[in-house]
Amino acid sequence: MKTAYRNAGAGQDQTAAYIFASAPITLETGKQVASITLPASVNQGSLHVFALAIS
């Protein structure tokens, strides 16, 4: 999804922001998540993780 702006400290910045998400997955019963691997590098920017949930 692409937004028309992003929130900044002094209000709205007219730079587009992109929002990515994935569908929930089912884990194998009885097992626990040991780790989550994020990309080692990004292309043309930064990687910001604002929330991550495991339930």
PDB file of N, CA and C in Angstrom:
ATOM      1  N   MET A   1       0.842  -1.149   0.000  1.00  0.00           N
ATOM      2  CA  MET A   1       0.000   0.000   0.000  1.00  0.00           C
ATOM      3  C   MET A   1       0.899   1.227   0.000  1.00  0.00           C
ATOM      4  N   LYS A   2       0.509   2.253  -0.703  1.00  0.00           N
ATOM      5  CA  LYS A   2       1.264   3.503  -0.753  1.00  0.00           C
ATOM      6  C   LYS A   2       0.388   4.617  -0.188  1.00  0.00           C
ATOM      7  N   THR A   3       0.953   5.413   0.711  1.00  0.00           N
ATOM      8  CA  THR A   3       0.217   6.540   1.263  1.00  0.00           C
ATOM      9  C   THR A   3       0.666   7.835   0.582  1.00  0.00           C
ATOM     10  N   ALA A   4      -0.144   8.851   0.669  1.00  0.00           N
ATOM     11  CA  ALA A   4       0.173  10.135   0.026  1.00  0.00           C
ATOM     12  C   ALA A   4       1.206  10.936   0.821  1.00  0.00           C
ATOM     13  N   TYR A   5       1.363  10.635   2.093  1.00  0.00           N
ATOM     14  CA  TYR A   5       2.291  11.371   2.953  1.00  0.00           C
ATOM     15  C   TYR A   5       2.751  10.468   4.086  1.00  0.00           C
ATOM     16  N   ARG A   6       3.683  10.962   4.873  1.00  0.00           N
ATOM     17  CA  ARG A   6       4.090  10.268   6.094  1.00  0.00           C
ATOM     18  C   ARG A   6       4.093  11.285   7.226  1.00  0.00           C
ATOM     19  N   ASN A   7       3.876  10.832   8.435  1.00  0.00           N
ATOM     20  CA  ASN A   7       3.884  11.727   9.585  1.00  0.00           C
ATOM     21  C   ASN A   7       5.322  12.034   9.960  1.00  0.00           C
ATOM     22  N   ALA A   8       5.576  13.293  10.285  1.00  0.00           N
ATOM     23  CA  ALA A   8       6.909  13.735  10.672  1.00  0.00           C
ATOM     24  C   ALA A   8       6.790  14.522  11.969  1.00  0.00           C
ATOM     25  N   GLY A   9       7.896  14.847  12.574  1.00  0.00           N
ATOM     26  CA  GLY A   9       7.880  15.570  13.843  1.00  0.00           C
ATOM     27  C   GLY A   9       7.145  16.896  13.793  1.00  0.00           C
ATOM     28  N   ALA A  10       7.202  17.581  12.661  1.00  0.00           N
ATOM     29  CA  ALA A  10       6.566  18.894  12.537  1.00  0.00           C
ATOM     30  C   ALA A  10       5.291  18.826  11.692  1.00  0.00           C
ATOM     31  N   GLY A  11       4.643  17.682  11.637  1.00  0.00           N
ATOM     32  CA  GLY A  11       3.420  17.554  10.852  1.00  0.00           C
ATOM     33  C   GLY A  11       3.571  16.493   9.781  1.00  0.00           C
ATOM     34  N   GLN A  12       2.985  16.741   8.628  1.00  0.00           N
ATOM     35  CA  GLN A  12       3.034  15.764   7.550  1.00  0.00           C
ATOM     36  C   GLN A  12       4.115  16.112   6.540  1.00  0.00           C
ATOM     37  N   ASP A  13       4.831  15.099   6.102  1.00  0.00           N
ATOM     38  CA  ASP A  13       5.846  15.207   5.069  1.00  0.00           C
ATOM     39  C   ASP A  13       5.208  14.643   3.804  1.00  0.00           C
ATOM     40  N   GLN A  14       5.260  15.354   2.712  1.00  0.00           N
ATOM     41  CA  GLN A  14       4.575  14.943   1.488  1.00  0.00           C
ATOM     42  C   GLN A  14       5.295  13.824   0.724  1.00  0.00           C
ATOM     43  N   THR A  15       6.222  13.158   1.389  1.00  0.00           N
ATOM     44  CA  THR A  15       6.895  12.004   0.814  1.00  0.00           C
ATOM     45  C   THR A  15       6.003  10.784   0.972  1.00  0.00           C
ATOM     46  N   ALA A  16       5.855   9.999  -0.066  1.00  0.00           N
ATOM     47  CA  ALA A  16       5.030   8.793   0.008  1.00  0.00           C
ATOM     48  C   ALA A  16       5.659   7.773   0.945  1.00  0.00           C
ATOM     49  N   ALA A  17       4.823   7.045   1.636  1.00  0.00           N
ATOM     50  CA  ALA A  17       5.274   5.964   2.509  1.00  0.00           C
ATOM     51  C   ALA A  17       4.655   4.665   2.012  1.00  0.00           C
ATOM     52  N   TYR A  18       5.371   3.585   2.148  1.00  0.00           N
ATOM     53  CA  TYR A  18       4.894   2.275   1.706  1.00  0.00           C
ATOM     54  C   TYR A  18       4.689   1.381   2.913  1.00  0.00           C
ATOM     55  N   ILE A  19       3.590   0.661   2.922  1.00  0.00           N
ATOM     56  CA  ILE A  19       3.257  -0.228   4.029  1.00  0.00           C
ATOM     57  C   ILE A  19       3.175  -1.647   3.488  1.00  0.00           C
ATOM     58  N   PHE A  20       3.914  -2.550   4.104  1.00  0.00           N
ATOM     59  CA  PHE A  20       3.934  -3.949   3.683  1.00  0.00           C
ATOM     60  C   PHE A  20       3.486  -4.824   4.843  1.00  0.00           C
ATOM     61  N   ALA A  21       2.769  -5.854   4.534  1.00  0.00           N
ATOM     62  CA  ALA A  21       2.335  -6.810   5.557  1.00  0.00           C
ATOM     63  C   ALA A  21       2.204  -8.174   4.912  1.00  0.00           C
ATOM     64  N   SER A  22       2.095  -9.163   5.726  1.00  0.00           N
ATOM     65  CA  SER A  22       1.884 -10.509   5.190  1.00  0.00           C
ATOM     66  C   SER A  22       0.740 -11.163   5.938  1.00  0.00           C
ATOM     67  N   ALA A  23       0.207 -12.179   5.356  1.00  0.00           N
ATOM     68  CA  ALA A  23      -0.886 -12.921   5.977  1.00  0.00           C
ATOM     69  C   ALA A  23      -0.333 -13.783   7.105  1.00  0.00           C
ATOM     70  N   PRO A  24      -1.145 -14.046   8.110  1.00  0.00           N
ATOM     71  CA  PRO A  24      -0.705 -14.935   9.193  1.00  0.00           C
ATOM     72  C   PRO A  24      -0.358 -16.324   8.660  1.00  0.00           C
ATOM     73  N   ILE A  25       0.564 -16.968   9.315  1.00  0.00           N
ATOM     74  CA  ILE A  25       0.921 -18.344   8.954  1.00  0.00           C
ATOM     75  C   ILE A  25       0.665 -19.250  10.153  1.00  0.00           C
ATOM     76  N   THR A  26       0.453 -20.512   9.900  1.00  0.00           N
ATOM     77  CA  THR A  26       0.247 -21.487  10.962  1.00  0.00           C
ATOM     78  C   THR A  26       1.556 -22.218  11.222  1.00  0.00           C
ATOM     79  N   LEU A  27       1.967 -22.220  12.475  1.00  0.00           N
ATOM     80  CA  LEU A  27       3.195 -22.912  12.858  1.00  0.00           C
ATOM     81  C   LEU A  27       2.864 -24.325  13.310  1.00  0.00           C
ATOM     82  N   GLU A  28       3.855 -25.167  13.302  1.00  0.00           N
ATOM     83  CA  GLU A  28       3.671 -26.549  13.707  1.00  0.00           C
ATOM     84  C   GLU A  28       3.354 -26.614  15.202  1.00  0.00           C
ATOM     85  N   THR A  29       2.286 -27.323  15.557  1.00  0.00           N
ATOM     86  CA  THR A  29       1.861 -27.449  16.945  1.00  0.00           C
ATOM     87  C   THR A  29       2.994 -27.987  17.814  1.00  0.00           C
ATOM     88  N   GLY A  30       3.169 -27.377  18.982  1.00  0.00           N
ATOM     89  CA  GLY A  30       4.192 -27.831  19.921  1.00  0.00           C
ATOM     90  C   GLY A  30       5.553 -27.193  19.723  1.00  0.00           C
ATOM     91  N   LYS A  31       5.726 -26.463  18.646  1.00  0.00           N
ATOM     92  CA  LYS A  31       7.019 -25.801  18.403  1.00  0.00           C
ATOM     93  C   LYS A  31       6.910 -24.322  18.742  1.00  0.00           C
ATOM     94  N   GLN A  32       8.047 -23.707  19.063  1.00  0.00           N
ATOM     95  CA  GLN A  32       8.106 -22.285  19.369  1.00  0.00           C
ATOM     96  C   GLN A  32       9.007 -21.583  18.367  1.00  0.00           C
ATOM     97  N   VAL A  33       8.713 -20.320  18.121  1.00  0.00           N
ATOM     98  CA  VAL A  33       9.564 -19.513  17.246  1.00  0.00           C
ATOM     99  C   VAL A  33      10.877 -19.255  17.979  1.00  0.00           C
ATOM    100  N   ALA A  34      11.993 -19.590  17.345  1.00  0.00           N
ATOM    101  CA  ALA A  34      13.310 -19.397  17.953  1.00  0.00           C
ATOM    102  C   ALA A  34      13.939 -18.085  17.504  1.00  0.00           C
ATOM    103  N   SER A  35      13.659 -17.669  16.268  1.00  0.00           N
ATOM    104  CA  SER A  35      14.242 -16.428  15.771  1.00  0.00           C
ATOM    105  C   SER A  35      13.470 -15.950  14.550  1.00  0.00           C
ATOM    106  N   ILE A  36      13.667 -14.686  14.234  1.00  0.00           N
ATOM    107  CA  ILE A  36      13.113 -14.075  13.031  1.00  0.00           C
ATOM    108  C   ILE A  36      14.281 -13.409  12.317  1.00  0.00           C
ATOM    109  N   THR A  37      14.464 -13.722  11.053  1.00  0.00           N
ATOM    110  CA  THR A  37      15.587 -13.178  10.292  1.00  0.00           C
ATOM    111  C   THR A  37      15.106 -12.050   9.388  1.00  0.00           C
ATOM    112  N   LEU A  38      15.716 -10.884   9.545  1.00  0.00           N
ATOM    113  CA  LEU A  38      15.424  -9.725   8.695  1.00  0.00           C
ATOM    114  C   LEU A  38      16.523  -9.615   7.643  1.00  0.00           C
ATOM    115  N   PRO A  39      16.269  -8.879   6.569  1.00  0.00           N
ATOM    116  CA  PRO A  39      17.299  -8.734   5.530  1.00  0.00           C
ATOM    117  C   PRO A  39      18.601  -8.155   6.090  1.00  0.00           C
ATOM    118  N   ALA A  40      19.722  -8.639   5.591  1.00  0.00           N
ATOM    119  CA  ALA A  40      21.027  -8.141   6.029  1.00  0.00           C
ATOM    120  C   ALA A  40      21.318  -6.743   5.480  1.00  0.00           C
ATOM    121  N   SER A  41      20.704  -6.410   4.342  1.00  0.00           N
ATOM    122  CA  SER A  41      20.890  -5.080   3.753  1.00  0.00           C
ATOM    123  C   SER A  41      19.617  -4.687   3.012  1.00  0.00           C
ATOM    124  N   VAL A  42      19.509  -3.403   2.741  1.00  0.00           N
ATOM    125  CA  VAL A  42      18.366  -2.890   1.984  1.00  0.00           C
ATOM    126  C   VAL A  42      18.882  -2.105   0.790  1.00  0.00           C
ATOM    127  N   ASN A  43      18.043  -1.920  -0.194  1.00  0.00           N
ATOM    128  CA  ASN A  43      18.416  -1.210  -1.408  1.00  0.00           C
ATOM    129  C   ASN A  43      17.758   0.168  -1.404  1.00  0.00           C
ATOM    130  N   GLN A  44      18.533   1.213  -1.442  1.00  0.00           N
ATOM    131  CA  GLN A  44      18.054   2.591  -1.528  1.00  0.00           C
ATOM    132  C   GLN A  44      17.199   3.013  -0.339  1.00  0.00           C
ATOM    133  N   GLY A  45      17.679   2.832   0.842  1.00  0.00           N
ATOM    134  CA  GLY A  45      16.922   3.302   1.988  1.00  0.00           C
ATOM    135  C   GLY A  45      17.244   2.569   3.267  1.00  0.00           C
ATOM    136  N   SER A  46      16.325   2.631   4.185  1.00  0.00           N
ATOM    137  CA  SER A  46      16.499   2.016   5.492  1.00  0.00           C
ATOM    138  C   SER A  46      15.359   1.062   5.773  1.00  0.00           C
ATOM    139  N   LEU A  47      15.586   0.132   6.638  1.00  0.00           N
ATOM    140  CA  LEU A  47      14.563  -0.803   7.072  1.00  0.00           C
ATOM    141  C   LEU A  47      14.131  -0.399   8.465  1.00  0.00           C
ATOM    142  N   HIS A  48      12.854  -0.096   8.632  1.00  0.00           N
ATOM    143  CA  HIS A  48      12.293   0.266   9.928  1.00  0.00           C
ATOM    144  C   HIS A  48      11.234  -0.758  10.304  1.00  0.00           C
ATOM    145  N   VAL A  49      11.384  -1.383  11.451  1.00  0.00           N
ATOM    146  CA  VAL A  49      10.394  -2.319  11.951  1.00  0.00           C
ATOM    147  C   VAL A  49       9.728  -1.657  13.136  1.00  0.00           C
ATOM    148  N   PHE A  50       8.435  -1.357  13.012  1.00  0.00           N
ATOM    149  CA  PHE A  50       7.709  -0.666  14.066  1.00  0.00           C
ATOM    150  C   PHE A  50       6.912  -1.623  14.950  1.00  0.00           C
ATOM    151  N   ALA A  51       6.583  -2.778  14.416  1.00  0.00           N
ATOM    152  CA  ALA A  51       5.818  -3.743  15.216  1.00  0.00           C
ATOM    153  C   ALA A  51       6.025  -5.141  14.658  1.00  0.00           C
ATOM    154  N   LEU A  52       6.003  -6.096  15.564  1.00  0.00           N
ATOM    155  CA  LEU A  52       6.127  -7.500  15.202  1.00  0.00           C
ATOM    156  C   LEU A  52       5.353  -8.265  16.257  1.00  0.00           C
ATOM    157  N   ALA A  53       4.509  -9.181  15.834  1.00  0.00           N
ATOM    158  CA  ALA A  53       3.684  -9.911  16.804  1.00  0.00           C
ATOM    159  C   ALA A  53       3.745 -11.400  16.547  1.00  0.00           C
ATOM    160  N   ILE A  54       3.845 -12.152  17.616  1.00  0.00           N
ATOM    161  CA  ILE A  54       3.764 -13.607  17.573  1.00  0.00           C
ATOM    162  C   ILE A  54       2.734 -13.995  18.634  1.00  0.00           C
ATOM    163  N   SER A  55       1.710 -14.693  18.200  1.00  0.00           N
ATOM    164  CA  SER A  55       0.682 -15.082  19.174  1.00  0.00           C
ATOM    165  C   SER A  55       0.364 -16.549  19.055  1.00  0.00           C
TER     166      SER A  55
END
